[in-house]
Amino acid sequence: MNKVRRNTFLRNQQGVGLIETMIAAVVLLVGVMAVMALFAVAVAQNKAQGDYGTQVTTFGQDKLEQLRSLPNFNDPGLCGAMAANVTCGGVDPANPQAGYVDYLSPTGVVVGGAAQATFTRQWQIDTDATGRIKTITVQTTAPAVANQTAPITILTTFKSKDGF
């Protein structure tokens, strides 16, 4: 009797039909293609943001080293002789200070103005309360990519009147 029930059960079972399999494959394919499209966009945006992030750091470091390597504490490139608690230049992107901003090409070459520039590099120099230490701040900004926040790097170093 048990053998008869098993044969009846097996005869009543039906597998998955060809049409059902094809519909499932199409639904799966549409889902995979949607995810792949999103993945491609994300990879492109992350690559662009990463490239710009690296470049703004490199260009900022170049300027910081250039200013830091000036031999004289009162060099005109470091705002000359400054009293205590004084600031020259500025790093506000909305208000670039003439003489304290570079407009750079994608390769880091200084270009004529903001219209030709891909990157903006600004710097400011502050003195401490004693007038013996200058704080050099360099901010480099890249353009925004695909409605994301523009990469910005702010680097700071110190230069002492005593040479250390």
Protein backbone atom coordinates (compact mmCIF):
# COMPACT_ATOMS: atom_id res chain seq x y z
CA MET A 1 0.00 0.00 0.00
CA ASN A 2 2.85 2.33 0.81
CA LYS A 3 4.29 1.66 -2.64
CA VAL A 4 0.99 2.55 -4.31
CA ARG A 5 0.78 5.91 -2.47
CA ARG A 6 4.31 6.84 -3.45
CA ASN A 7 3.69 6.15 -7.15
CA THR A 8 0.47 8.19 -7.07
CA PHE A 9 2.31 11.06 -5.36
CA LEU A 10 5.11 11.04 -7.92
CA ARG A 11 2.68 10.99 -10.84
CA ASN A 12 0.84 14.07 -9.54
CA GLN A 13 4.04 16.13 -9.22
CA GLN A 14 4.88 18.50 -12.05
CA GLY A 15 8.22 20.27 -12.60
CA VAL A 16 8.84 23.90 -13.50
CA GLY A 17 7.76 24.66 -17.02
CA LEU A 18 9.84 26.31 -19.70
CA ILE A 19 7.71 29.49 -19.65
CA GLU A 20 8.06 29.88 -15.89
CA THR A 21 11.84 29.41 -16.12
CA MET A 22 12.12 32.01 -18.88
CA ILE A 23 10.06 34.57 -16.90
CA ALA A 24 12.24 34.01 -13.81
CA ALA A 25 15.38 34.45 -15.92
CA VAL A 26 14.09 37.73 -17.41
CA VAL A 27 13.19 39.11 -13.95
CA LEU A 28 16.63 38.13 -12.63
CA LEU A 29 18.34 39.67 -15.67
CA VAL A 30 16.50 43.00 -15.24
CA GLY A 31 17.50 43.12 -11.57
CA VAL A 32 21.14 42.32 -12.28
CA MET A 33 21.32 44.94 -15.06
CA ALA A 34 19.90 47.62 -12.74
CA VAL A 35 22.51 46.84 -10.09
CA MET A 36 25.30 46.82 -12.69
CA ALA A 37 24.24 50.24 -13.98
CA LEU A 38 24.35 51.67 -10.45
CA PHE A 39 27.70 50.02 -9.85
CA ALA A 40 29.18 51.56 -13.00
CA VAL A 41 28.03 55.07 -12.01
CA ALA A 42 29.35 54.66 -8.46
CA VAL A 43 32.75 53.45 -9.67
CA ALA A 44 33.09 56.38 -12.09
CA GLN A 45 32.16 58.96 -9.45
CA ASN A 46 34.41 57.45 -6.80
CA LYS A 47 37.33 57.35 -9.23
CA ALA A 48 36.87 61.01 -10.15
CA GLN A 49 36.52 62.08 -6.52
CA GLY A 50 39.56 60.00 -5.54
CA ASP A 51 41.69 61.43 -8.35
CA TYR A 52 40.70 64.98 -7.40
CA GLY A 53 41.29 64.26 -3.72
CA THR A 54 44.82 63.11 -4.46
CA GLN A 55 45.53 66.08 -6.70
CA VAL A 56 44.28 68.71 -4.22
CA THR A 57 46.48 67.19 -1.52
CA THR A 58 49.52 67.14 -3.80
CA PHE A 59 49.01 70.72 -5.03
CA GLY A 60 48.44 71.97 -1.48
CA GLN A 61 51.57 70.22 -0.24
CA ASP A 62 53.59 71.77 -3.08
CA LYS A 63 52.58 75.29 -2.06
CA LEU A 64 53.09 74.58 1.62
CA GLU A 65 56.63 73.35 0.95
CA GLN A 66 57.34 76.34 -1.29
CA LEU A 67 56.30 78.79 1.44
CA ARG A 68 57.98 76.82 4.21
CA SER A 69 61.28 76.71 2.33
CA LEU A 70 61.59 80.49 2.03
CA PRO A 71 64.85 81.23 3.87
CA ASN A 72 63.91 84.47 5.62
CA PHE A 73 61.14 84.66 8.24
CA ASN A 74 60.30 88.18 7.00
CA ASP A 75 60.33 87.20 3.31
CA PRO A 76 57.68 89.04 1.23
CA GLY A 77 56.28 85.60 0.28
CA LEU A 78 55.50 85.16 3.97
CA CYS A 79 53.89 88.62 4.21
CA GLY A 80 57.14 90.32 5.23
CA ALA A 81 57.61 91.65 8.75
CA MET A 82 54.31 91.15 10.59
CA ALA A 83 53.20 92.33 14.00
CA ALA A 84 51.76 89.87 16.53
CA ASN A 85 48.25 88.45 15.90
CA VAL A 86 48.07 89.59 12.27
CA THR A 87 46.68 87.68 9.29
CA CYS A 88 47.44 88.18 5.63
CA GLY A 89 45.88 86.34 2.73
CA GLY A 90 42.85 84.14 3.18
CA VAL A 91 41.36 80.74 2.47
CA ASP A 92 37.71 81.68 2.00
CA PRO A 93 36.71 80.20 -1.41
CA ALA A 94 34.03 82.86 -1.84
CA ASN A 95 36.54 85.68 -1.29
CA PRO A 96 39.98 84.90 -2.79
CA GLN A 97 42.65 87.41 -1.80
CA ALA A 98 44.75 88.81 -4.64
CA GLY A 99 48.33 87.62 -4.30
CA TYR A 100 47.28 84.68 -2.13
CA VAL A 101 45.50 82.53 -4.68
CA ASP A 102 46.69 80.31 -7.54
CA TYR A 103 44.43 79.00 -10.26
CA LEU A 104 45.73 75.65 -11.48
CA SER A 105 45.28 73.48 -14.55
CA PRO A 106 44.61 69.73 -14.14
CA THR A 107 48.37 69.18 -14.18
CA GLY A 108 49.06 71.79 -11.49
CA VAL A 109 50.37 74.55 -13.76
CA VAL A 110 49.35 78.07 -12.74
CA VAL A 111 46.90 79.53 -15.29
CA GLY A 112 45.70 83.08 -15.88
CA GLY A 113 42.49 83.08 -13.87
CA ALA A 114 39.52 81.27 -12.44
CA ALA A 115 37.89 80.79 -15.86
CA GLN A 116 40.75 78.58 -17.08
CA ALA A 117 41.34 76.82 -13.76
CA THR A 118 40.38 73.34 -12.62
CA PHE A 119 41.78 73.77 -9.11
CA THR A 120 41.97 76.77 -6.76
CA ARG A 121 44.77 77.03 -4.22
CA GLN A 122 44.61 79.74 -1.53
CA TRP A 123 46.81 80.46 1.46
CA GLN A 124 46.98 82.64 4.50
CA ILE A 125 49.68 83.43 7.00
CA ASP A 126 49.01 84.26 10.66
CA THR A 127 51.38 85.33 13.40
CA ASP A 128 51.02 84.22 17.01
CA ALA A 129 50.81 86.50 20.04
CA THR A 130 54.61 86.76 20.25
CA GLY A 131 55.13 87.50 16.56
CA ARG A 132 57.80 84.79 16.44
CA ILE A 133 55.76 81.99 14.86
CA LYS A 134 53.89 82.13 11.58
CA THR A 135 51.13 79.66 10.83
CA ILE A 136 50.89 78.89 7.12
CA THR A 137 47.55 77.47 5.94
CA VAL A 138 46.98 76.29 2.36
CA GLN A 139 43.56 75.28 1.06
CA THR A 140 43.17 73.60 -2.32
CA THR A 141 39.75 73.04 -3.88
CA ALA A 142 38.73 70.86 -6.82
CA PRO A 143 35.50 71.08 -8.81
CA ALA A 144 32.48 69.11 -7.63
CA VAL A 145 31.79 65.88 -9.51
CA ALA A 146 28.20 64.85 -10.30
CA ASN A 147 26.51 66.91 -7.57
CA GLN A 148 28.89 65.72 -4.86
CA THR A 149 30.79 67.95 -2.48
CA ALA A 150 33.96 69.32 -4.02
CA PRO A 151 37.14 67.80 -2.58
CA ILE A 152 38.96 70.30 -0.37
CA THR A 153 42.29 69.85 1.40
CA ILE A 154 43.48 72.20 4.13
CA LEU A 155 47.12 71.86 5.19
CA THR A 156 48.82 73.81 7.96
CA THR A 157 52.42 74.19 9.10
CA PHE A 158 54.47 76.55 11.22
CA LYS A 159 57.56 78.65 10.57
CA SER A 160 59.54 79.97 13.48
CA LYS A 161 61.62 83.13 13.57
CA ASP A 162 64.23 81.06 15.40
CA GLY A 163 64.47 78.65 12.45
CA PHE A 164 62.81 75.57 13.95
